[in-house]
Amino acid sequence: MAKGRDKDQAHKAAVAALGKNLSRRAKSKCELCETGGKLVVTEVAGPRPEAAGDDPSEDWAALLCDRCIDLVAGKKVDTSALRFLETAMWSELRPVQILAVRALRTVDTAWAREANDGLYLDPEVEELL
């Protein structure tokens, strides 16, 4: 039982260690909504290409604020404040794009449906959603 706990703690420490580089990449702003404040390293859940492996990586993590963490966790958030997803879905950073598109697909408003209709993703990115 202790082995699993130790492995989990080591994984969390490795994710947290990505913070410095992600903070530089994000210019100390949330990578989805671009607000400042308290930011947390968040791994992209779901399928990864085999080449990515299971180790924490900047290629599979994003720096997010509390609101965006709630959003990607599937919690209820005010949909009127989510228009930033229209910009974030075009991000060149794969983890940011994946998180933005996943979140956008859960929003049931006219502007979100229109944004989804106009979105084109590479087939390899689409597989990761």
C-alpha atoms as a PDB file:
ATOM      1  CA  MET A   1       0.000   0.000   0.000  1.00  0.00           C
ATOM      2  CA  ALA A   2       2.850   2.397   0.810  1.00  0.00           C
ATOM      3  CA  LYS A   3       4.382   1.859  -2.626  1.00  0.00           C
ATOM      4  CA  GLY A   4       1.283   3.259  -4.336  1.00  0.00           C
ATOM      5  CA  ARG A   5       1.230   6.262  -2.016  1.00  0.00           C
ATOM      6  CA  ASP A   6       4.938   6.920  -2.567  1.00  0.00           C
ATOM      7  CA  LYS A   7       4.492   6.660  -6.334  1.00  0.00           C
ATOM      8  CA  ASP A   8       1.552   9.092  -6.197  1.00  0.00           C
ATOM      9  CA  GLN A   9       3.545  11.559  -4.072  1.00  0.00           C
ATOM     10  CA  ALA A  10       6.507  11.341  -6.463  1.00  0.00           C
ATOM     11  CA  HIS A  11       4.199  11.981  -9.423  1.00  0.00           C
ATOM     12  CA  LYS A  12       2.652  15.028  -7.724  1.00  0.00           C
ATOM     13  CA  ALA A  13       6.126  16.386  -6.929  1.00  0.00           C
ATOM     14  CA  ALA A  14       7.203  15.915 -10.554  1.00  0.00           C
ATOM     15  CA  VAL A  15       4.087  17.763 -11.763  1.00  0.00           C
ATOM     16  CA  ALA A  16       4.711  20.617  -9.324  1.00  0.00           C
ATOM     17  CA  ALA A  17       8.322  20.839 -10.532  1.00  0.00           C
ATOM     18  CA  LEU A  18       7.031  21.818 -13.969  1.00  0.00           C
ATOM     19  CA  GLY A  19       5.707  25.071 -12.493  1.00  0.00           C
ATOM     20  CA  LYS A  20       8.776  27.215 -13.071  1.00  0.00           C
ATOM     21  CA  ASN A  21       9.024  26.430 -16.791  1.00  0.00           C
ATOM     22  CA  LEU A  22       5.266  26.614 -17.290  1.00  0.00           C
ATOM     23  CA  SER A  23       5.199  29.975 -15.518  1.00  0.00           C
ATOM     24  CA  ARG A  24       7.799  31.269 -17.965  1.00  0.00           C
ATOM     25  CA  ARG A  25       5.876  29.844 -20.912  1.00  0.00           C
ATOM     26  CA  ALA A  26       2.600  31.368 -19.683  1.00  0.00           C
ATOM     27  CA  LYS A  27       4.176  34.650 -18.572  1.00  0.00           C
ATOM     28  CA  SER A  28       2.696  34.025 -15.100  1.00  0.00           C
ATOM     29  CA  LYS A  29      -0.888  34.043 -16.414  1.00  0.00           C
ATOM     30  CA  CYS A  30      -3.527  31.345 -16.701  1.00  0.00           C
ATOM     31  CA  GLU A  31      -2.964  29.653 -20.037  1.00  0.00           C
ATOM     32  CA  LEU A  32      -6.689  29.452 -20.771  1.00  0.00           C
ATOM     33  CA  CYS A  33      -8.154  32.779 -19.666  1.00  0.00           C
ATOM     34  CA  GLU A  34      -4.897  34.779 -19.361  1.00  0.00           C
ATOM     35  CA  THR A  35      -5.665  36.164 -15.899  1.00  0.00           C
ATOM     36  CA  GLY A  36      -3.077  36.472 -13.169  1.00  0.00           C
ATOM     37  CA  GLY A  37      -3.310  35.369  -9.572  1.00  0.00           C
ATOM     38  CA  LYS A  38      -2.812  31.980  -7.986  1.00  0.00           C
ATOM     39  CA  LEU A  39      -1.924  29.427 -10.673  1.00  0.00           C
ATOM     40  CA  VAL A  40      -1.623  25.658 -10.422  1.00  0.00           C
ATOM     41  CA  VAL A  41       0.069  23.157 -12.726  1.00  0.00           C
ATOM     42  CA  THR A  42      -2.653  20.911 -14.162  1.00  0.00           C
ATOM     43  CA  GLU A  43      -2.018  17.777 -16.178  1.00  0.00           C
ATOM     44  CA  VAL A  44      -4.131  17.037 -19.236  1.00  0.00           C
ATOM     45  CA  ALA A  45      -6.172  13.947 -18.419  1.00  0.00           C
ATOM     46  CA  GLY A  46      -7.102  11.359 -20.974  1.00  0.00           C
ATOM     47  CA  PRO A  47      -5.357   9.516 -23.758  1.00  0.00           C
ATOM     48  CA  ARG A  48      -1.796  10.344 -24.743  1.00  0.00           C
ATOM     49  CA  PRO A  49       0.255   9.089 -27.651  1.00  0.00           C
ATOM     50  CA  GLU A  50       2.472   6.181 -26.589  1.00  0.00           C
ATOM     51  CA  ALA A  51       5.578   8.241 -27.306  1.00  0.00           C
ATOM     52  CA  ALA A  52       4.526  10.719 -24.591  1.00  0.00           C
ATOM     53  CA  GLY A  53       4.861   8.172 -21.791  1.00  0.00           C
ATOM     54  CA  ASP A  54       3.352   8.526 -18.325  1.00  0.00           C
ATOM     55  CA  ASP A  55       5.893  10.894 -16.794  1.00  0.00           C
ATOM     56  CA  PRO A  56       4.803  14.507 -16.185  1.00  0.00           C
ATOM     57  CA  SER A  57       5.801  16.761 -19.038  1.00  0.00           C
ATOM     58  CA  GLU A  58       5.312  20.375 -20.096  1.00  0.00           C
ATOM     59  CA  ASP A  59       3.775  18.969 -23.279  1.00  0.00           C
ATOM     60  CA  TRP A  60       0.901  17.511 -21.225  1.00  0.00           C
ATOM     61  CA  ALA A  61       0.380  20.187 -18.581  1.00  0.00           C
ATOM     62  CA  ALA A  62      -0.926  23.737 -18.347  1.00  0.00           C
ATOM     63  CA  LEU A  63      -0.833  26.505 -15.765  1.00  0.00           C
ATOM     64  CA  LEU A  64      -4.408  27.314 -14.732  1.00  0.00           C
ATOM     65  CA  CYS A  65      -6.286  29.606 -12.346  1.00  0.00           C
ATOM     66  CA  ASP A  66      -8.922  28.308  -9.907  1.00  0.00           C
ATOM     67  CA  ARG A  67     -11.843  29.099 -12.241  1.00  0.00           C
ATOM     68  CA  CYS A  68     -10.250  27.234 -15.148  1.00  0.00           C
ATOM     69  CA  ILE A  69      -9.346  24.290 -12.902  1.00  0.00           C
ATOM     70  CA  ASP A  70     -13.026  24.049 -11.952  1.00  0.00           C
ATOM     71  CA  LEU A  71     -13.952  24.332 -15.627  1.00  0.00           C
ATOM     72  CA  VAL A  72     -11.701  21.481 -16.791  1.00  0.00           C
ATOM     73  CA  ALA A  73     -12.791  19.399 -13.790  1.00  0.00           C
ATOM     74  CA  GLY A  74     -16.372  19.601 -15.055  1.00  0.00           C
ATOM     75  CA  LYS A  75     -17.717  21.780 -12.256  1.00  0.00           C
ATOM     76  CA  LYS A  76     -20.451  24.325 -12.945  1.00  0.00           C
ATOM     77  CA  VAL A  77     -19.108  27.751 -13.871  1.00  0.00           C
ATOM     78  CA  ASP A  78     -20.766  30.894 -15.185  1.00  0.00           C
ATOM     79  CA  THR A  79     -20.957  30.373 -18.961  1.00  0.00           C
ATOM     80  CA  SER A  80     -21.160  34.112 -19.628  1.00  0.00           C
ATOM     81  CA  ALA A  81     -17.541  34.422 -18.476  1.00  0.00           C
ATOM     82  CA  LEU A  82     -16.167  31.720 -20.774  1.00  0.00           C
ATOM     83  CA  ARG A  83     -15.793  33.644 -24.017  1.00  0.00           C
ATOM     84  CA  PHE A  84     -12.007  33.344 -23.632  1.00  0.00           C
ATOM     85  CA  LEU A  85     -12.381  29.749 -24.856  1.00  0.00           C
ATOM     86  CA  GLU A  86     -12.973  31.092 -28.372  1.00  0.00           C
ATOM     87  CA  THR A  87      -9.376  32.322 -28.378  1.00  0.00           C
ATOM     88  CA  ALA A  88      -7.822  29.520 -26.310  1.00  0.00           C
ATOM     89  CA  MET A  89      -9.137  26.838 -28.683  1.00  0.00           C
ATOM     90  CA  TRP A  90      -6.695  28.131 -31.333  1.00  0.00           C
ATOM     91  CA  SER A  91      -3.666  27.947 -29.033  1.00  0.00           C
ATOM     92  CA  GLU A  92      -0.491  26.539 -30.536  1.00  0.00           C
ATOM     93  CA  LEU A  93       0.180  24.806 -27.212  1.00  0.00           C
ATOM     94  CA  ARG A  94      -1.384  21.357 -27.441  1.00  0.00           C
ATOM     95  CA  PRO A  95      -2.363  21.003 -23.750  1.00  0.00           C
ATOM     96  CA  VAL A  96      -4.036  24.425 -23.774  1.00  0.00           C
ATOM     97  CA  GLN A  97      -5.885  23.677 -27.008  1.00  0.00           C
ATOM     98  CA  ILE A  98      -7.082  20.291 -25.751  1.00  0.00           C
ATOM     99  CA  LEU A  99      -8.336  21.730 -22.452  1.00  0.00           C
ATOM    100  CA  ALA A 100     -10.039  24.650 -24.214  1.00  0.00           C
ATOM    101  CA  VAL A 101     -11.817  22.483 -26.783  1.00  0.00           C
ATOM    102  CA  ARG A 102     -12.951  19.971 -24.156  1.00  0.00           C
ATOM    103  CA  ALA A 103     -14.344  22.807 -22.039  1.00  0.00           C
ATOM    104  CA  LEU A 104     -15.930  24.541 -25.024  1.00  0.00           C
ATOM    105  CA  ARG A 105     -17.760  21.367 -26.000  1.00  0.00           C
ATOM    106  CA  THR A 106     -19.496  21.331 -22.607  1.00  0.00           C
ATOM    107  CA  VAL A 107     -20.854  24.884 -22.965  1.00  0.00           C
ATOM    108  CA  ASP A 108     -24.399  24.982 -24.311  1.00  0.00           C
ATOM    109  CA  THR A 109     -24.747  28.497 -25.708  1.00  0.00           C
ATOM    110  CA  ALA A 110     -25.105  29.887 -29.222  1.00  0.00           C
ATOM    111  CA  TRP A 111     -21.612  31.404 -29.270  1.00  0.00           C
ATOM    112  CA  ALA A 112     -20.047  28.113 -28.108  1.00  0.00           C
ATOM    113  CA  ARG A 113     -21.879  26.085 -30.756  1.00  0.00           C
ATOM    114  CA  GLU A 114     -20.780  28.584 -33.409  1.00  0.00           C
ATOM    115  CA  ALA A 115     -17.161  28.397 -32.211  1.00  0.00           C
ATOM    116  CA  ASN A 116     -17.280  24.583 -32.280  1.00  0.00           C
ATOM    117  CA  ASP A 117     -18.736  24.605 -35.785  1.00  0.00           C
ATOM    118  CA  GLY A 118     -15.864  26.775 -37.034  1.00  0.00           C
ATOM    119  CA  LEU A 119     -13.158  24.689 -35.381  1.00  0.00           C
ATOM    120  CA  TYR A 120     -10.859  22.484 -37.405  1.00  0.00           C
ATOM    121  CA  LEU A 121      -8.440  20.222 -35.568  1.00  0.00           C
ATOM    122  CA  ASP A 122      -5.748  17.945 -36.897  1.00  0.00           C
ATOM    123  CA  PRO A 123      -6.946  14.320 -36.732  1.00  0.00           C
ATOM    124  CA  GLU A 124      -4.181  13.488 -34.233  1.00  0.00           C
ATOM    125  CA  VAL A 125      -5.413  16.244 -31.882  1.00  0.00           C
ATOM    126  CA  GLU A 126      -9.032  15.193 -32.358  1.00  0.00           C
ATOM    127  CA  GLU A 127      -8.113  11.686 -31.150  1.00  0.00           C
ATOM    128  CA  LEU A 128      -6.882  13.160 -27.864  1.00  0.00           C
ATOM    129  CA  LEU A 129     -10.192  14.797 -27.072  1.00  0.00           C
END
